[in-house]
């Protein structure tokens, strides 16, 4: 039984690693073809944003489009539905591909009611009470999806799930939840930013600027007083509450590894520092270094130390004193 359990854990870990690699490849593809852009953009809401996502570009890149369809279909496969419907116009090609992959009937929602024929707003064959999964290319506030959902509901159909390629995490999940609808995303904007940073597509300054901007956008301008909090808040909840991207990352790491242990590496040689980091890396969340006391410091040490931090999933805090 123990051997079977170990095998199952190994398979789960292997599957998770494959999914993470596929998501990383997709995010890099979206960046390379200009779907994810950085600069100064005015959004539909009138807000000025340092990041813009134009998912409509994927239809001109068959290899990327195919990858988006495969990963979206895989994510949606376990969600119960009778029909697939895309938010016009950007998500209609996406919904068509996913409907074909999952062998589900496709529905089309008109933006305006036609003045002839049966004057239907929802095109396709369906029955009252059928369950419709709505597909969105990019979810921001959820307003566009809700417009289509209201039309679908008026036809006597039901909606429990909305699937999106990328969730900007700017209110869509909360808006849909108020109607008992769950938002599912192939990737979130934070995951995409982290991937682009860790793969060297964006530098630390841009990564931090956009993460901070997104965090500020999620905070209400006039927040209501928070309800009484429990005496103990776990690290996962703390990660959601902090507006600071680095603190959020640290709390998530502490939750993931179930440790809040930080170790100060008061050693004076490169070999001692690397050996210590490798030995205690699996047990700590932070390694505090005093790099100025390393007698045989060289540029290679920094690279090797960062590699160990990535291998064992811990942060490096340099405690150099300049004055």
C-alpha atoms as a PDB file:
ATOM      1  CA  UNK A   1       0.000   0.000   0.000  1.00  0.00           C
ATOM      2  CA  UNK A   2       2.847   2.378   0.873  1.00  0.00           C
ATOM      3  CA  UNK A   3       4.502   1.681  -2.486  1.00  0.00           C
ATOM      4  CA  UNK A   4       1.207   2.345  -4.314  1.00  0.00           C
ATOM      5  CA  UNK A   5       0.706   5.601  -2.399  1.00  0.00           C
ATOM      6  CA  UNK A   6       4.253   6.715  -3.241  1.00  0.00           C
ATOM      7  CA  UNK A   7       3.672   5.863  -6.908  1.00  0.00           C
ATOM      8  CA  UNK A   8       0.442   7.880  -6.942  1.00  0.00           C
ATOM      9  CA  UNK A   9       2.195  10.883  -5.389  1.00  0.00           C
ATOM     10  CA  UNK A  10       4.962  10.597  -7.993  1.00  0.00           C
ATOM     11  CA  UNK A  11       2.397  10.498 -10.830  1.00  0.00           C
ATOM     12  CA  UNK A  12       0.562  13.523  -9.405  1.00  0.00           C
ATOM     13  CA  UNK A  13       3.826  15.457  -9.084  1.00  0.00           C
ATOM     14  CA  UNK A  14       4.813  14.454 -12.630  1.00  0.00           C
ATOM     15  CA  UNK A  15       1.410  15.555 -13.985  1.00  0.00           C
ATOM     16  CA  UNK A  16       1.680  18.888 -12.156  1.00  0.00           C
ATOM     17  CA  UNK A  17       5.164  19.448 -13.558  1.00  0.00           C
ATOM     18  CA  UNK A  18       3.892  18.798 -17.108  1.00  0.00           C
ATOM     19  CA  UNK A  19       0.984  21.222 -16.630  1.00  0.00           C
ATOM     20  CA  UNK A  20       3.345  23.888 -15.277  1.00  0.00           C
ATOM     21  CA  UNK A  21       5.688  23.425 -18.256  1.00  0.00           C
ATOM     22  CA  UNK A  22       2.766  23.654 -20.705  1.00  0.00           C
ATOM     23  CA  UNK A  23       1.492  26.833 -19.040  1.00  0.00           C
ATOM     24  CA  UNK A  24       4.981  28.365 -19.155  1.00  0.00           C
ATOM     25  CA  UNK A  25       5.286  27.552 -22.866  1.00  0.00           C
ATOM     26  CA  UNK A  26       1.871  29.092 -23.582  1.00  0.00           C
ATOM     27  CA  UNK A  27       2.641  32.329 -21.708  1.00  0.00           C
ATOM     28  CA  UNK A  28       5.942  32.703 -23.559  1.00  0.00           C
ATOM     29  CA  UNK A  29       4.151  32.150 -26.890  1.00  0.00           C
ATOM     30  CA  UNK A  30       1.510  34.762 -26.048  1.00  0.00           C
ATOM     31  CA  UNK A  31       4.229  37.256 -25.165  1.00  0.00           C
ATOM     32  CA  UNK A  32       6.275  36.510 -28.285  1.00  0.00           C
ATOM     33  CA  UNK A  33       3.358  37.177 -30.685  1.00  0.00           C
ATOM     34  CA  UNK A  34       2.338  40.383 -28.873  1.00  0.00           C
ATOM     35  CA  UNK A  35      -0.761  39.156 -27.042  1.00  0.00           C
ATOM     36  CA  UNK A  36       0.725  40.319 -23.723  1.00  0.00           C
ATOM     37  CA  UNK A  37       2.074  43.858 -24.070  1.00  0.00           C
ATOM     38  CA  UNK A  38       3.674  46.346 -21.678  1.00  0.00           C
ATOM     39  CA  UNK A  39       3.463  50.131 -21.977  1.00  0.00           C
ATOM     40  CA  UNK A  40       0.678  52.660 -21.384  1.00  0.00           C
ATOM     41  CA  UNK A  41      -2.814  51.557 -22.435  1.00  0.00           C
ATOM     42  CA  UNK A  42      -6.331  52.898 -21.886  1.00  0.00           C
ATOM     43  CA  UNK A  43      -8.710  50.039 -21.097  1.00  0.00           C
ATOM     44  CA  UNK A  44     -12.413  49.825 -21.991  1.00  0.00           C
ATOM     45  CA  UNK A  45     -13.186  50.947 -18.436  1.00  0.00           C
ATOM     46  CA  UNK A  46     -11.147  54.163 -18.977  1.00  0.00           C
ATOM     47  CA  UNK A  47      -8.380  53.040 -16.606  1.00  0.00           C
ATOM     48  CA  UNK A  48      -4.765  53.569 -17.738  1.00  0.00           C
ATOM     49  CA  UNK A  49      -2.925  50.263 -17.492  1.00  0.00           C
ATOM     50  CA  UNK A  50       0.792  49.311 -17.825  1.00  0.00           C
ATOM     51  CA  UNK A  51      -0.216  45.908 -19.282  1.00  0.00           C
ATOM     52  CA  UNK A  52      -2.567  44.988 -22.111  1.00  0.00           C
ATOM     53  CA  UNK A  53      -3.766  41.586 -23.331  1.00  0.00           C
ATOM     54  CA  UNK A  54      -5.007  41.302 -26.934  1.00  0.00           C
ATOM     55  CA  UNK A  55      -6.018  37.640 -27.267  1.00  0.00           C
ATOM     56  CA  UNK A  56      -7.527  38.229 -30.733  1.00  0.00           C
ATOM     57  CA  UNK A  57      -4.013  37.987 -32.191  1.00  0.00           C
ATOM     58  CA  UNK A  58      -3.899  34.212 -31.664  1.00  0.00           C
ATOM     59  CA  UNK A  59      -6.150  33.552 -34.692  1.00  0.00           C
ATOM     60  CA  UNK A  60      -3.271  34.675 -36.959  1.00  0.00           C
ATOM     61  CA  UNK A  61      -0.840  32.203 -35.364  1.00  0.00           C
ATOM     62  CA  UNK A  62      -2.095  28.613 -35.888  1.00  0.00           C
ATOM     63  CA  UNK A  63       0.496  26.995 -33.602  1.00  0.00           C
ATOM     64  CA  UNK A  64      -0.322  29.310 -30.691  1.00  0.00           C
ATOM     65  CA  UNK A  65      -4.067  29.119 -31.397  1.00  0.00           C
ATOM     66  CA  UNK A  66      -3.876  25.312 -31.323  1.00  0.00           C
ATOM     67  CA  UNK A  67      -2.009  25.391 -28.005  1.00  0.00           C
ATOM     68  CA  UNK A  68      -4.582  27.780 -26.488  1.00  0.00           C
ATOM     69  CA  UNK A  69      -7.418  25.501 -27.637  1.00  0.00           C
ATOM     70  CA  UNK A  70      -5.725  22.377 -26.264  1.00  0.00           C
ATOM     71  CA  UNK A  71      -5.035  23.858 -22.838  1.00  0.00           C
ATOM     72  CA  UNK A  72      -8.475  25.508 -22.598  1.00  0.00           C
ATOM     73  CA  UNK A  73     -10.197  22.274 -23.648  1.00  0.00           C
ATOM     74  CA  UNK A  74      -8.200  20.258 -21.103  1.00  0.00           C
ATOM     75  CA  UNK A  75      -9.184  22.698 -18.332  1.00  0.00           C
ATOM     76  CA  UNK A  76     -12.856  22.689 -19.390  1.00  0.00           C
ATOM     77  CA  UNK A  77     -13.180  18.934 -19.953  1.00  0.00           C
ATOM     78  CA  UNK A  78     -14.154  18.160 -16.346  1.00  0.00           C
ATOM     79  CA  UNK A  79     -16.854  20.853 -16.155  1.00  0.00           C
ATOM     80  CA  UNK A  80     -20.396  19.645 -16.767  1.00  0.00           C
ATOM     81  CA  UNK A  81     -22.267  21.408 -19.572  1.00  0.00           C
ATOM     82  CA  UNK A  82     -24.612  20.774 -22.494  1.00  0.00           C
ATOM     83  CA  UNK A  83     -23.426  23.629 -24.721  1.00  0.00           C
ATOM     84  CA  UNK A  84     -20.442  25.925 -25.307  1.00  0.00           C
ATOM     85  CA  UNK A  85     -20.948  29.644 -25.981  1.00  0.00           C
ATOM     86  CA  UNK A  86     -18.299  32.314 -26.612  1.00  0.00           C
ATOM     87  CA  UNK A  87     -18.523  35.982 -25.640  1.00  0.00           C
ATOM     88  CA  UNK A  88     -18.632  37.881 -28.950  1.00  0.00           C
ATOM     89  CA  UNK A  89     -16.515  38.719 -30.764  1.00  0.00           C
ATOM     90  CA  UNK A  90     -13.091  37.703 -29.443  1.00  0.00           C
ATOM     91  CA  UNK A  91     -14.078  34.424 -27.784  1.00  0.00           C
ATOM     92  CA  UNK A  92     -16.235  33.015 -30.605  1.00  0.00           C
ATOM     93  CA  UNK A  93     -13.300  31.366 -32.473  1.00  0.00           C
ATOM     94  CA  UNK A  94     -12.078  30.024 -29.123  1.00  0.00           C
ATOM     95  CA  UNK A  95     -15.528  28.601 -28.260  1.00  0.00           C
ATOM     96  CA  UNK A  96     -15.789  27.010 -31.701  1.00  0.00           C
ATOM     97  CA  UNK A  97     -12.493  25.178 -31.268  1.00  0.00           C
ATOM     98  CA  UNK A  98     -13.248  24.057 -27.699  1.00  0.00           C
ATOM     99  CA  UNK A  99     -16.736  22.854 -28.722  1.00  0.00           C
ATOM    100  CA  UNK A 100     -15.165  20.742 -31.476  1.00  0.00           C
ATOM    101  CA  UNK A 101     -12.483  19.367 -29.124  1.00  0.00           C
ATOM    102  CA  UNK A 102     -15.024  18.441 -26.437  1.00  0.00           C
ATOM    103  CA  UNK A 103     -17.679  17.384 -28.982  1.00  0.00           C
ATOM    104  CA  UNK A 104     -20.212  19.773 -27.422  1.00  0.00           C
ATOM    105  CA  UNK A 105     -22.902  21.730 -29.322  1.00  0.00           C
ATOM    106  CA  UNK A 106     -22.034  25.364 -29.955  1.00  0.00           C
ATOM    107  CA  UNK A 107     -24.373  28.288 -29.284  1.00  0.00           C
ATOM    108  CA  UNK A 108     -24.023  31.831 -30.625  1.00  0.00           C
ATOM    109  CA  UNK A 109     -25.391  34.919 -28.846  1.00  0.00           C
ATOM    110  CA  UNK A 110     -26.303  37.926 -30.970  1.00  0.00           C
ATOM    111  CA  UNK A 111     -25.321  41.402 -29.854  1.00  0.00           C
ATOM    112  CA  UNK A 112     -28.542  42.791 -31.322  1.00  0.00           C
ATOM    113  CA  UNK A 113     -31.852  41.104 -32.022  1.00  0.00           C
ATOM    114  CA  UNK A 114     -32.446  40.623 -35.734  1.00  0.00           C
ATOM    115  CA  UNK A 115     -35.633  42.174 -37.129  1.00  0.00           C
ATOM    116  CA  UNK A 116     -36.654  39.232 -39.318  1.00  0.00           C
ATOM    117  CA  UNK A 117     -37.155  35.474 -39.137  1.00  0.00           C
ATOM    118  CA  UNK A 118     -37.559  34.044 -35.633  1.00  0.00           C
ATOM    119  CA  UNK A 119     -35.839  37.086 -34.045  1.00  0.00           C
ATOM    120  CA  UNK A 120     -33.819  34.836 -31.729  1.00  0.00           C
ATOM    121  CA  UNK A 121     -30.983  36.233 -29.599  1.00  0.00           C
ATOM    122  CA  UNK A 122     -29.408  32.797 -29.033  1.00  0.00           C
ATOM    123  CA  UNK A 123     -28.690  30.755 -32.157  1.00  0.00           C
ATOM    124  CA  UNK A 124     -28.442  26.966 -32.053  1.00  0.00           C
ATOM    125  CA  UNK A 125     -30.488  23.956 -30.944  1.00  0.00           C
ATOM    126  CA  UNK A 126     -31.214  23.822 -27.219  1.00  0.00           C
ATOM    127  CA  UNK A 127     -33.899  23.047 -24.626  1.00  0.00           C
ATOM    128  CA  UNK A 128     -35.031  24.976 -21.575  1.00  0.00           C
ATOM    129  CA  UNK A 129     -32.865  24.169 -18.557  1.00  0.00           C
ATOM    130  CA  UNK A 130     -29.781  23.145 -20.592  1.00  0.00           C
ATOM    131  CA  UNK A 131     -26.446  24.009 -18.998  1.00  0.00           C
ATOM    132  CA  UNK A 132     -24.208  26.414 -20.971  1.00  0.00           C
ATOM    133  CA  UNK A 133     -20.497  26.968 -20.390  1.00  0.00           C
ATOM    134  CA  UNK A 134     -19.513  30.504 -21.405  1.00  0.00           C
ATOM    135  CA  UNK A 135     -16.024  31.064 -22.816  1.00  0.00           C
ATOM    136  CA  UNK A 136     -14.163  34.369 -22.524  1.00  0.00           C
ATOM    137  CA  UNK A 137     -10.724  35.117 -23.972  1.00  0.00           C
ATOM    138  CA  UNK A 138      -9.696  37.580 -21.236  1.00  0.00           C
ATOM    139  CA  UNK A 139     -11.670  38.152 -18.019  1.00  0.00           C
ATOM    140  CA  UNK A 140     -11.259  41.552 -16.364  1.00  0.00           C
ATOM    141  CA  UNK A 141     -14.285  42.905 -14.495  1.00  0.00           C
ATOM    142  CA  UNK A 142     -16.681  40.239 -15.776  1.00  0.00           C
ATOM    143  CA  UNK A 143     -19.055  42.797 -17.300  1.00  0.00           C
ATOM    144  CA  UNK A 144     -18.882  41.457 -20.877  1.00  0.00           C
ATOM    145  CA  UNK A 145     -19.494  37.888 -19.743  1.00  0.00           C
ATOM    146  CA  UNK A 146     -22.465  38.944 -17.594  1.00  0.00           C
ATOM    147  CA  UNK A 147     -24.145  40.679 -20.569  1.00  0.00           C
ATOM    148  CA  UNK A 148     -24.082  37.416 -22.521  1.00  0.00           C
ATOM    149  CA  UNK A 149     -25.043  35.344 -19.486  1.00  0.00           C
ATOM    150  CA  UNK A 150     -28.136  37.513 -18.899  1.00  0.00           C
ATOM    151  CA  UNK A 151     -29.223  36.911 -22.508  1.00  0.00           C
ATOM    152  CA  UNK A 152     -28.666  33.163 -22.098  1.00  0.00           C
ATOM    153  CA  UNK A 153     -30.666  33.093 -18.856  1.00  0.00           C
ATOM    154  CA  UNK A 154     -33.535  34.951 -20.509  1.00  0.00           C
ATOM    155  CA  UNK A 155     -33.798  32.025 -22.954  1.00  0.00           C
ATOM    156  CA  UNK A 156     -34.424  29.630 -20.037  1.00  0.00           C
ATOM    157  CA  UNK A 157     -30.913  28.198 -20.081  1.00  0.00           C
ATOM    158  CA  UNK A 158     -28.517  27.857 -17.114  1.00  0.00           C
ATOM    159  CA  UNK A 159     -24.911  28.964 -16.597  1.00  0.00           C
ATOM    160  CA  UNK A 160     -22.689  27.610 -13.815  1.00  0.00           C
ATOM    161  CA  UNK A 161     -19.224  27.961 -15.321  1.00  0.00           C
ATOM    162  CA  UNK A 162     -17.254  30.594 -17.223  1.00  0.00           C
ATOM    163  CA  UNK A 163     -13.919  29.556 -18.726  1.00  0.00           C
ATOM    164  CA  UNK A 164     -11.277  32.111 -19.711  1.00  0.00           C
ATOM    165  CA  UNK A 165      -7.793  31.845 -21.154  1.00  0.00           C
ATOM    166  CA  UNK A 166      -6.439  34.632 -18.938  1.00  0.00           C
ATOM    167  CA  UNK A 167      -7.933  36.149 -15.779  1.00  0.00           C
ATOM    168  CA  UNK A 168      -6.726  39.692 -15.041  1.00  0.00           C
ATOM    169  CA  UNK A 169      -8.158  39.272 -11.510  1.00  0.00           C
ATOM    170  CA  UNK A 170      -9.834  42.667 -11.463  1.00  0.00           C
ATOM    171  CA  UNK A 171     -13.296  41.703 -10.233  1.00  0.00           C
ATOM    172  CA  UNK A 172     -14.653  39.101 -12.684  1.00  0.00           C
ATOM    173  CA  UNK A 173     -14.456  36.222 -10.230  1.00  0.00           C
ATOM    174  CA  UNK A 174     -16.299  38.163  -7.529  1.00  0.00           C
ATOM    175  CA  UNK A 175     -19.002  39.470  -9.899  1.00  0.00           C
ATOM    176  CA  UNK A 176     -19.745  36.005 -11.273  1.00  0.00           C
ATOM    177  CA  UNK A 177     -19.707  34.437  -7.804  1.00  0.00           C
ATOM    178  CA  UNK A 178     -22.579  36.746  -6.811  1.00  0.00           C
ATOM    179  CA  UNK A 179     -24.657  34.840  -9.396  1.00  0.00           C
ATOM    180  CA  UNK A 180     -23.347  31.439  -8.223  1.00  0.00           C
ATOM    181  CA  UNK A 181     -21.155  31.164 -11.337  1.00  0.00           C
ATOM    182  CA  UNK A 182     -17.563  29.909 -11.067  1.00  0.00           C
ATOM    183  CA  UNK A 183     -14.750  31.439 -13.114  1.00  0.00           C
ATOM    184  CA  UNK A 184     -12.039  29.048 -14.324  1.00  0.00           C
ATOM    185  CA  UNK A 185      -8.820  30.270 -15.941  1.00  0.00           C
ATOM    186  CA  UNK A 186      -6.057  28.565 -17.880  1.00  0.00           C
ATOM    187  CA  UNK A 187      -3.736  31.214 -16.426  1.00  0.00           C
ATOM    188  CA  UNK A 188      -3.984  34.270 -14.177  1.00  0.00           C
ATOM    189  CA  UNK A 189      -2.255  37.566 -14.878  1.00  0.00           C
ATOM    190  CA  UNK A 190      -0.025  37.070 -11.817  1.00  0.00           C
ATOM    191  CA  UNK A 191       1.051  33.621 -12.998  1.00  0.00           C
ATOM    192  CA  UNK A 192       1.812  35.047 -16.444  1.00  0.00           C
ATOM    193  CA  UNK A 193       3.893  37.882 -14.982  1.00  0.00           C
ATOM    194  CA  UNK A 194       5.865  35.502 -12.771  1.00  0.00           C
ATOM    195  CA  UNK A 195       6.567  33.211 -15.730  1.00  0.00           C
ATOM    196  CA  UNK A 196       7.751  36.115 -17.889  1.00  0.00           C
ATOM    197  CA  UNK A 197       9.992  37.337 -15.056  1.00  0.00           C
ATOM    198  CA  UNK A 198      11.501  33.939 -14.251  1.00  0.00           C
ATOM    199  CA  UNK A 199      12.134  33.185 -17.954  1.00  0.00           C
ATOM    200  CA  UNK A 200      13.841  36.541 -18.463  1.00  0.00           C
ATOM    201  CA  UNK A 201      11.203  38.054 -20.767  1.00  0.00           C
ATOM    202  CA  UNK A 202      10.706  41.005 -18.397  1.00  0.00           C
ATOM    203  CA  UNK A 203      13.116  42.470 -15.859  1.00  0.00           C
ATOM    204  CA  UNK A 204      12.549  42.813 -12.122  1.00  0.00           C
ATOM    205  CA  UNK A 205      11.716  46.522 -12.307  1.00  0.00           C
ATOM    206  CA  UNK A 206       8.881  46.027 -14.818  1.00  0.00           C
ATOM    207  CA  UNK A 207       7.640  42.901 -13.012  1.00  0.00           C
ATOM    208  CA  UNK A 208       7.418  44.780  -9.714  1.00  0.00           C
ATOM    209  CA  UNK A 209       5.806  47.861 -11.318  1.00  0.00           C
ATOM    210  CA  UNK A 210       2.998  45.845 -12.947  1.00  0.00           C
ATOM    211  CA  UNK A 211       2.466  43.601  -9.908  1.00  0.00           C
ATOM    212  CA  UNK A 212       2.154  46.681  -7.690  1.00  0.00           C
ATOM    213  CA  UNK A 213      -0.259  48.348 -10.125  1.00  0.00           C
ATOM    214  CA  UNK A 214      -2.455  45.244 -10.268  1.00  0.00           C
ATOM    215  CA  UNK A 215      -2.418  44.944  -6.488  1.00  0.00           C
ATOM    216  CA  UNK A 216      -3.508  48.576  -6.119  1.00  0.00           C
ATOM    217  CA  UNK A 217      -6.298  48.063  -8.675  1.00  0.00           C
ATOM    218  CA  UNK A 218      -7.699  45.248  -6.563  1.00  0.00           C
ATOM    219  CA  UNK A 219      -7.964  47.487  -3.505  1.00  0.00           C
ATOM    220  CA  UNK A 220     -11.171  49.558  -3.230  1.00  0.00           C
ATOM    221  CA  UNK A 221     -10.600  53.325  -3.209  1.00  0.00           C
ATOM    222  CA  UNK A 222     -12.764  53.589  -0.069  1.00  0.00           C
ATOM    223  CA  UNK A 223     -12.428  50.235   1.623  1.00  0.00           C
ATOM    224  CA  UNK A 224     -14.988  49.213   4.201  1.00  0.00           C
ATOM    225  CA  UNK A 225     -13.660  48.181   7.613  1.00  0.00           C
ATOM    226  CA  UNK A 226     -12.570  44.567   7.582  1.00  0.00           C
ATOM    227  CA  UNK A 227     -14.717  42.143   9.580  1.00  0.00           C
ATOM    228  CA  UNK A 228     -13.176  40.759  12.785  1.00  0.00           C
ATOM    229  CA  UNK A 229     -10.415  38.363  11.851  1.00  0.00           C
ATOM    230  CA  UNK A 230      -9.802  35.023  13.527  1.00  0.00           C
ATOM    231  CA  UNK A 231      -7.018  34.880  16.105  1.00  0.00           C
ATOM    232  CA  UNK A 232      -4.866  32.809  13.728  1.00  0.00           C
ATOM    233  CA  UNK A 233      -4.718  33.513   9.983  1.00  0.00           C
ATOM    234  CA  UNK A 234      -2.860  30.944   7.910  1.00  0.00           C
ATOM    235  CA  UNK A 235      -0.184  31.974   5.445  1.00  0.00           C
ATOM    236  CA  UNK A 236      -2.411  31.380   2.404  1.00  0.00           C
ATOM    237  CA  UNK A 237      -4.960  33.892   3.738  1.00  0.00           C
ATOM    238  CA  UNK A 238      -2.225  36.371   4.649  1.00  0.00           C
ATOM    239  CA  UNK A 239      -0.950  36.162   1.063  1.00  0.00           C
ATOM    240  CA  UNK A 240      -4.380  37.295  -0.163  1.00  0.00           C
ATOM    241  CA  UNK A 241      -4.555  40.190   2.300  1.00  0.00           C
ATOM    242  CA  UNK A 242      -1.169  41.826   1.721  1.00  0.00           C
ATOM    243  CA  UNK A 243      -0.865  44.500  -0.999  1.00  0.00           C
ATOM    244  CA  UNK A 244       2.904  43.960  -1.268  1.00  0.00           C
ATOM    245  CA  UNK A 245       3.903  41.548  -4.092  1.00  0.00           C
ATOM    246  CA  UNK A 246       7.066  40.346  -2.348  1.00  0.00           C
ATOM    247  CA  UNK A 247       5.240  39.729   0.946  1.00  0.00           C
ATOM    248  CA  UNK A 248       2.536  37.891  -0.995  1.00  0.00           C
ATOM    249  CA  UNK A 249       5.187  35.711  -2.597  1.00  0.00           C
ATOM    250  CA  UNK A 250       6.797  34.975   0.785  1.00  0.00           C
ATOM    251  CA  UNK A 251       3.481  34.054   2.453  1.00  0.00           C
ATOM    252  CA  UNK A 252       2.608  31.773  -0.470  1.00  0.00           C
ATOM    253  CA  UNK A 253       6.034  30.124  -0.159  1.00  0.00           C
ATOM    254  CA  UNK A 254       5.571  29.627   3.603  1.00  0.00           C
ATOM    255  CA  UNK A 255       2.167  28.063   2.967  1.00  0.00           C
ATOM    256  CA  UNK A 256       3.544  25.855   0.209  1.00  0.00           C
ATOM    257  CA  UNK A 257       6.487  24.559   2.266  1.00  0.00           C
ATOM    258  CA  UNK A 258       4.750  24.779   5.661  1.00  0.00           C
ATOM    259  CA  UNK A 259       7.694  26.542   7.246  1.00  0.00           C
ATOM    260  CA  UNK A 260       8.529  29.995   8.564  1.00  0.00           C
ATOM    261  CA  UNK A 261      12.137  29.140   9.327  1.00  0.00           C
ATOM    262  CA  UNK A 262      14.750  31.734   8.312  1.00  0.00           C
ATOM    263  CA  UNK A 263      18.464  31.007   8.723  1.00  0.00           C
ATOM    264  CA  UNK A 264      21.342  33.498   8.870  1.00  0.00           C
ATOM    265  CA  UNK A 265      24.374  32.121   7.027  1.00  0.00           C
ATOM    266  CA  UNK A 266      27.280  33.530   9.050  1.00  0.00           C
ATOM    267  CA  UNK A 267      30.031  31.736   7.139  1.00  0.00           C
ATOM    268  CA  UNK A 268      33.097  33.170   5.428  1.00  0.00           C
ATOM    269  CA  UNK A 269      33.768  30.938   2.421  1.00  0.00           C
ATOM    270  CA  UNK A 270      31.914  30.224  -0.793  1.00  0.00           C
ATOM    271  CA  UNK A 271      32.026  26.440  -0.228  1.00  0.00           C
ATOM    272  CA  UNK A 272      30.544  26.733   3.265  1.00  0.00           C
ATOM    273  CA  UNK A 273      27.734  29.008   2.075  1.00  0.00           C
ATOM    274  CA  UNK A 274      26.709  26.768  -0.841  1.00  0.00           C
ATOM    275  CA  UNK A 275      26.916  23.601   1.261  1.00  0.00           C
ATOM    276  CA  UNK A 276      24.766  25.176   3.983  1.00  0.00           C
ATOM    277  CA  UNK A 277      22.176  26.443   1.460  1.00  0.00           C
ATOM    278  CA  UNK A 278      21.915  23.014  -0.177  1.00  0.00           C
ATOM    279  CA  UNK A 279      21.617  21.184   3.142  1.00  0.00           C
ATOM    280  CA  UNK A 280      18.969  23.343   4.815  1.00  0.00           C
ATOM    281  CA  UNK A 281      17.243  24.613   1.667  1.00  0.00           C
ATOM    282  CA  UNK A 282      14.306  22.161   1.826  1.00  0.00           C
ATOM    283  CA  UNK A 283      13.447  23.265   5.390  1.00  0.00           C
ATOM    284  CA  UNK A 284      13.626  27.070   5.169  1.00  0.00           C
ATOM    285  CA  UNK A 285      11.703  29.914   3.597  1.00  0.00           C
ATOM    286  CA  UNK A 286      14.520  32.504   3.742  1.00  0.00           C
ATOM    287  CA  UNK A 287      18.307  32.287   3.680  1.00  0.00           C
ATOM    288  CA  UNK A 288      19.859  35.457   5.117  1.00  0.00           C
ATOM    289  CA  UNK A 289      23.319  36.081   3.676  1.00  0.00           C
ATOM    290  CA  UNK A 290      26.194  38.406   4.595  1.00  0.00           C
ATOM    291  CA  UNK A 291      27.871  38.390   1.206  1.00  0.00           C
ATOM    292  CA  UNK A 292      30.455  41.007   2.206  1.00  0.00           C
ATOM    293  CA  UNK A 293      32.159  38.598   4.633  1.00  0.00           C
ATOM    294  CA  UNK A 294      32.716  35.881   1.994  1.00  0.00           C
ATOM    295  CA  UNK A 295      36.483  35.878   1.632  1.00  0.00           C
ATOM    296  CA  UNK A 296      36.611  34.126  -1.779  1.00  0.00           C
ATOM    297  CA  UNK A 297      33.522  35.777  -3.322  1.00  0.00           C
ATOM    298  CA  UNK A 298      33.189  35.676  -7.108  1.00  0.00           C
ATOM    299  CA  UNK A 299      30.355  36.342  -9.585  1.00  0.00           C
ATOM    300  CA  UNK A 300      29.770  32.606  -9.928  1.00  0.00           C
ATOM    301  CA  UNK A 301      28.658  32.406  -6.295  1.00  0.00           C
ATOM    302  CA  UNK A 302      25.606  34.565  -7.003  1.00  0.00           C
ATOM    303  CA  UNK A 303      24.472  32.303  -9.858  1.00  0.00           C
ATOM    304  CA  UNK A 304      25.012  29.107  -7.850  1.00  0.00           C
ATOM    305  CA  UNK A 305      23.162  30.521  -4.840  1.00  0.00           C
ATOM    306  CA  UNK A 306      20.194  31.570  -6.987  1.00  0.00           C
ATOM    307  CA  UNK A 307      20.111  28.107  -8.554  1.00  0.00           C
ATOM    308  CA  UNK A 308      19.876  26.522  -5.087  1.00  0.00           C
ATOM    309  CA  UNK A 309      17.087  28.959  -4.142  1.00  0.00           C
ATOM    310  CA  UNK A 310      15.140  27.867  -7.224  1.00  0.00           C
ATOM    311  CA  UNK A 311      15.886  24.177  -6.553  1.00  0.00           C
ATOM    312  CA  UNK A 312      14.744  24.234  -2.905  1.00  0.00           C
ATOM    313  CA  UNK A 313      12.140  27.042  -3.198  1.00  0.00           C
ATOM    314  CA  UNK A 314      13.437  29.661  -0.749  1.00  0.00           C
ATOM    315  CA  UNK A 315      14.131  33.411  -0.863  1.00  0.00           C
ATOM    316  CA  UNK A 316      17.512  35.074  -0.386  1.00  0.00           C
ATOM    317  CA  UNK A 317      17.729  38.094   1.923  1.00  0.00           C
ATOM    318  CA  UNK A 318      21.039  39.937   1.727  1.00  0.00           C
ATOM    319  CA  UNK A 319      21.808  41.674   5.025  1.00  0.00           C
ATOM    320  CA  UNK A 320      24.706  43.811   3.839  1.00  0.00           C
ATOM    321  CA  UNK A 321      25.293  46.932   5.936  1.00  0.00           C
ATOM    322  CA  UNK A 322      26.477  49.891   3.908  1.00  0.00           C
ATOM    323  CA  UNK A 323      26.749  52.353   6.801  1.00  0.00           C
END
